[in-house]
Amino acid sequence: MTTRRGLIFIISAPSGVGKSTLARSIVTKNRRFAHPVSYTTREARPQEKNGKDYRFVTIGQFERLWQEGCFLERAVVHGAHYATSKQEVEKLLSRNKYALLTIDVQGARSVHGAYPEESVRVFLLPPSKKIWRQRLKTRGEKNLAQRMANAQAEINELPRFDYCLINDQFEATVKDFFTIVRAEELRRLKNNVKRLAIA
């Protein structure tokens, strides 16, 4: 008998579109979803706990773990290194959970390369360039021109993704995400139908 495994849902988006807010809502609404604990080289904030929020390591430890193949992907954000733990993702998959990753397009490519049959890539877009720019200004983001250029480079990767959501009305976006989840569950059922008694 084949052990059932979970899936990896990847959310990628330009800065300020709302991927972190969406991810928090998903985990709150569906207990099957969980964030794998990521590694980072940045300092822990006062409320953060090592091993729960992140695994805080030195740059030397981070590079050693990368060389040992412990990470599925890595990225540099505001000078700090972040990475997705292969072991943490495997732990969730083996428990038939859904691993939820909020990573950039390069990370999405790496994870999908490692798990082509178990990963679902969702790209999140703002409702318009004007609204997105206003969101960045409200957050106090600097270097808007550079962020816009980076966003365009990320949007160019959109054809590689399985789904695209426009984050206009937030609750509608959450609902649409769970529609994607259900579609993937049914697709998986179809692919596994030969193992069922009715086949």
Protein backbone atom coordinates (compact mmCIF):
# COMPACT_ATOMS: atom_id res chain seq x y z
CA MET A 1 0.00 0.00 0.00
CA THR A 2 1.38 3.41 -0.99
CA THR A 3 1.71 5.95 1.82
CA ARG A 4 -0.16 9.15 1.06
CA ARG A 5 2.00 12.23 0.88
CA GLY A 6 1.14 15.87 1.03
CA LEU A 7 1.77 18.62 -1.49
CA ILE A 8 3.91 21.75 -1.70
CA PHE A 9 2.07 24.98 -2.49
CA ILE A 10 4.39 27.80 -3.58
CA ILE A 11 3.30 31.44 -3.57
CA SER A 12 5.53 33.90 -5.43
CA ALA A 13 4.86 37.60 -5.93
CA PRO A 14 6.63 40.93 -6.27
CA SER A 15 7.26 42.81 -3.02
CA GLY A 16 4.16 44.42 -1.55
CA VAL A 17 1.54 42.34 -3.35
CA GLY A 18 0.47 40.48 -0.20
CA LYS A 19 1.92 36.97 -0.31
CA SER A 20 2.81 36.89 3.41
CA THR A 21 -0.66 38.11 4.43
CA LEU A 22 -2.24 35.51 2.15
CA ALA A 23 -0.04 32.75 3.58
CA ARG A 24 -0.96 33.65 7.17
CA SER A 25 -4.65 33.51 6.30
CA ILE A 26 -4.28 30.13 4.58
CA VAL A 27 -2.53 28.55 7.57
CA THR A 28 -5.15 29.98 9.93
CA LYS A 29 -8.10 28.71 7.89
CA ASN A 30 -6.82 25.22 7.08
CA ARG A 31 -4.81 23.21 9.59
CA ARG A 32 -3.51 20.90 6.91
CA PHE A 33 -1.25 23.76 5.77
CA ALA A 34 1.99 24.56 7.57
CA HIS A 35 5.05 26.71 7.01
CA PRO A 36 8.30 24.72 7.01
CA VAL A 37 10.70 26.37 9.46
CA SER A 38 13.24 28.29 7.35
CA TYR A 39 16.89 29.03 8.05
CA THR A 40 18.20 32.59 8.19
CA THR A 41 21.39 34.45 9.02
CA ARG A 42 19.64 37.56 10.33
CA GLU A 43 19.37 38.38 14.02
CA ALA A 44 16.30 37.08 15.86
CA ARG A 45 13.71 39.69 16.77
CA PRO A 46 12.61 39.89 20.43
CA GLN A 47 9.40 37.88 19.95
CA GLU A 48 10.93 35.21 17.70
CA LYS A 49 11.92 31.75 18.94
CA ASN A 50 14.71 29.71 17.42
CA GLY A 51 13.32 26.54 15.86
CA LYS A 52 9.75 27.84 15.79
CA ASP A 53 9.82 31.04 13.73
CA TYR A 54 13.20 30.43 12.07
CA ARG A 55 16.39 28.50 12.63
CA PHE A 56 18.93 31.25 13.24
CA VAL A 57 22.45 30.39 12.08
CA THR A 58 25.71 32.15 11.27
CA ILE A 59 26.73 32.75 7.67
CA GLY A 60 29.37 30.03 8.07
CA GLN A 61 26.80 27.51 9.28
CA PHE A 62 24.43 28.55 6.50
CA GLU A 63 27.03 28.00 3.77
CA ARG A 64 28.01 24.63 5.23
CA LEU A 65 24.38 23.47 5.25
CA TRP A 66 24.00 24.66 1.65
CA GLN A 67 27.08 22.71 0.58
CA GLU A 68 25.74 19.61 2.34
CA GLY A 69 22.53 19.80 0.32
CA CYS A 70 20.25 20.59 3.25
CA PHE A 71 18.37 23.37 1.44
CA LEU A 72 15.90 23.26 -1.44
CA GLU A 73 16.47 26.91 -2.31
CA ARG A 74 18.11 30.04 -0.94
CA ALA A 75 17.71 33.79 -1.30
CA VAL A 76 19.20 37.04 -0.01
CA VAL A 77 16.72 39.59 1.38
CA HIS A 78 17.97 42.95 2.69
CA GLY A 79 21.44 41.49 3.18
CA ALA A 80 20.31 38.41 5.14
CA HIS A 81 20.32 34.87 3.78
CA TYR A 82 17.19 32.69 3.87
CA ALA A 83 16.68 29.07 2.84
CA THR A 84 14.00 26.39 2.78
CA SER A 85 14.94 23.24 4.67
CA LYS A 86 14.63 20.03 2.67
CA GLN A 87 14.15 18.06 5.90
CA GLU A 88 11.31 20.31 7.10
CA VAL A 89 9.46 19.99 3.79
CA GLU A 90 9.93 16.21 3.75
CA LYS A 91 8.60 16.00 7.30
CA LEU A 92 5.37 17.72 6.27
CA LEU A 93 4.96 15.69 3.07
CA SER A 94 5.44 12.41 4.94
CA ARG A 95 2.64 13.44 7.33
CA ASN A 96 0.30 14.14 4.39
CA LYS A 97 0.43 17.87 5.16
CA TYR A 98 0.58 20.78 2.74
CA ALA A 99 3.86 22.69 2.91
CA LEU A 100 3.26 26.38 2.15
CA LEU A 101 6.25 28.30 0.79
CA THR A 102 6.40 32.05 0.10
CA ILE A 103 9.53 32.33 -2.01
CA ASP A 104 10.83 34.17 -5.07
CA VAL A 105 10.58 32.90 -8.64
CA GLN A 106 14.08 31.40 -8.62
CA GLY A 107 13.28 29.51 -5.44
CA ALA A 108 10.02 28.32 -6.97
CA ARG A 109 11.96 26.95 -9.94
CA SER A 110 14.38 25.09 -7.64
CA VAL A 111 11.64 23.55 -5.49
CA HIS A 112 9.60 22.51 -8.51
CA GLY A 113 12.72 20.95 -10.01
CA ALA A 114 13.13 18.84 -6.87
CA TYR A 115 9.41 18.01 -6.56
CA PRO A 116 7.86 18.24 -10.05
CA GLU A 117 4.88 16.02 -9.18
CA GLU A 118 4.24 17.35 -5.68
CA SER A 119 4.59 21.12 -6.06
CA VAL A 120 1.95 23.62 -7.16
CA ARG A 121 3.15 27.10 -8.18
CA VAL A 122 0.85 30.10 -7.68
CA PHE A 123 1.83 33.60 -8.80
CA LEU A 124 0.16 36.52 -7.03
CA LEU A 125 -0.38 39.80 -8.88
CA PRO A 126 -1.64 43.22 -7.76
CA PRO A 127 -4.89 44.47 -9.32
CA SER A 128 -2.97 47.21 -11.16
CA LYS A 129 0.44 48.86 -11.31
CA LYS A 130 -1.06 52.05 -9.83
CA ILE A 131 -2.55 50.27 -6.81
CA TRP A 132 0.62 48.25 -6.27
CA ARG A 133 2.77 51.40 -6.34
CA GLN A 134 0.45 52.99 -3.76
CA ARG A 135 0.75 49.94 -1.51
CA LEU A 136 4.54 50.20 -1.62
CA LYS A 137 4.39 53.90 -0.77
CA THR A 138 2.05 53.19 2.15
CA ARG A 139 4.54 50.63 3.47
CA GLY A 140 7.30 53.22 3.19
CA GLU A 141 9.26 51.21 0.65
CA LYS A 142 12.23 52.94 -0.96
CA ASN A 143 13.73 52.58 -4.44
CA LEU A 144 10.33 52.21 -6.10
CA ALA A 145 11.81 52.31 -9.60
CA GLN A 146 14.14 49.42 -8.78
CA ARG A 147 11.34 47.42 -7.17
CA MET A 148 9.16 47.97 -10.23
CA ALA A 149 11.97 46.74 -12.47
CA ASN A 150 12.51 43.68 -10.26
CA ALA A 151 8.77 43.01 -10.34
CA GLN A 152 8.73 43.02 -14.13
CA ALA A 153 11.55 40.47 -14.19
CA GLU A 154 9.51 38.28 -11.82
CA ILE A 155 6.32 38.70 -13.85
CA ASN A 156 8.24 37.50 -16.92
CA GLU A 157 8.43 34.12 -15.13
CA LEU A 158 4.63 33.87 -14.94
CA PRO A 159 4.32 31.31 -17.80
CA ARG A 160 6.27 28.82 -15.65
CA PHE A 161 3.60 28.92 -12.93
CA ASP A 162 0.56 26.67 -12.68
CA TYR A 163 -1.88 29.35 -11.54
CA CYS A 164 -2.18 33.12 -11.27
CA LEU A 165 -4.24 35.06 -8.72
CA ILE A 166 -4.97 38.79 -8.70
CA ASN A 167 -4.98 40.11 -5.13
CA ASP A 168 -7.73 42.72 -5.39
CA GLN A 169 -10.41 41.75 -2.85
CA PHE A 170 -8.46 39.81 -0.23
CA GLU A 171 -11.18 37.38 0.91
CA ALA A 172 -11.94 36.56 -2.72
CA THR A 173 -8.23 35.85 -3.25
CA VAL A 174 -8.21 33.46 -0.28
CA LYS A 175 -11.29 31.70 -1.65
CA ASP A 176 -9.69 31.41 -5.08
CA PHE A 177 -6.57 29.90 -3.52
CA PHE A 178 -8.61 27.18 -1.84
CA THR A 179 -10.33 26.54 -5.17
CA ILE A 180 -6.86 25.82 -6.56
CA VAL A 181 -6.20 23.47 -3.65
CA ARG A 182 -9.39 21.55 -4.37
CA ALA A 183 -8.58 21.36 -8.07
CA GLU A 184 -5.17 19.89 -7.27
CA GLU A 185 -6.71 17.36 -4.88
CA LEU A 186 -9.08 16.21 -7.62
CA ARG A 187 -6.28 16.11 -10.18
CA ARG A 188 -4.29 13.91 -7.83
CA LEU A 189 -7.31 11.65 -7.32
CA LYS A 190 -7.60 11.24 -11.09
CA ASN A 191 -3.91 10.40 -11.38
CA ASN A 192 -4.18 7.81 -8.61
CA VAL A 193 -7.47 6.26 -9.74
CA LYS A 194 -5.76 3.03 -10.83
CA ARG A 195 -5.01 2.31 -7.18
CA LEU A 196 -8.68 2.54 -6.19
CA ALA A 197 -11.02 -0.42 -5.92
CA ILE A 198 -13.38 1.14 -8.48
CA ALA A 199 -10.70 1.18 -11.21
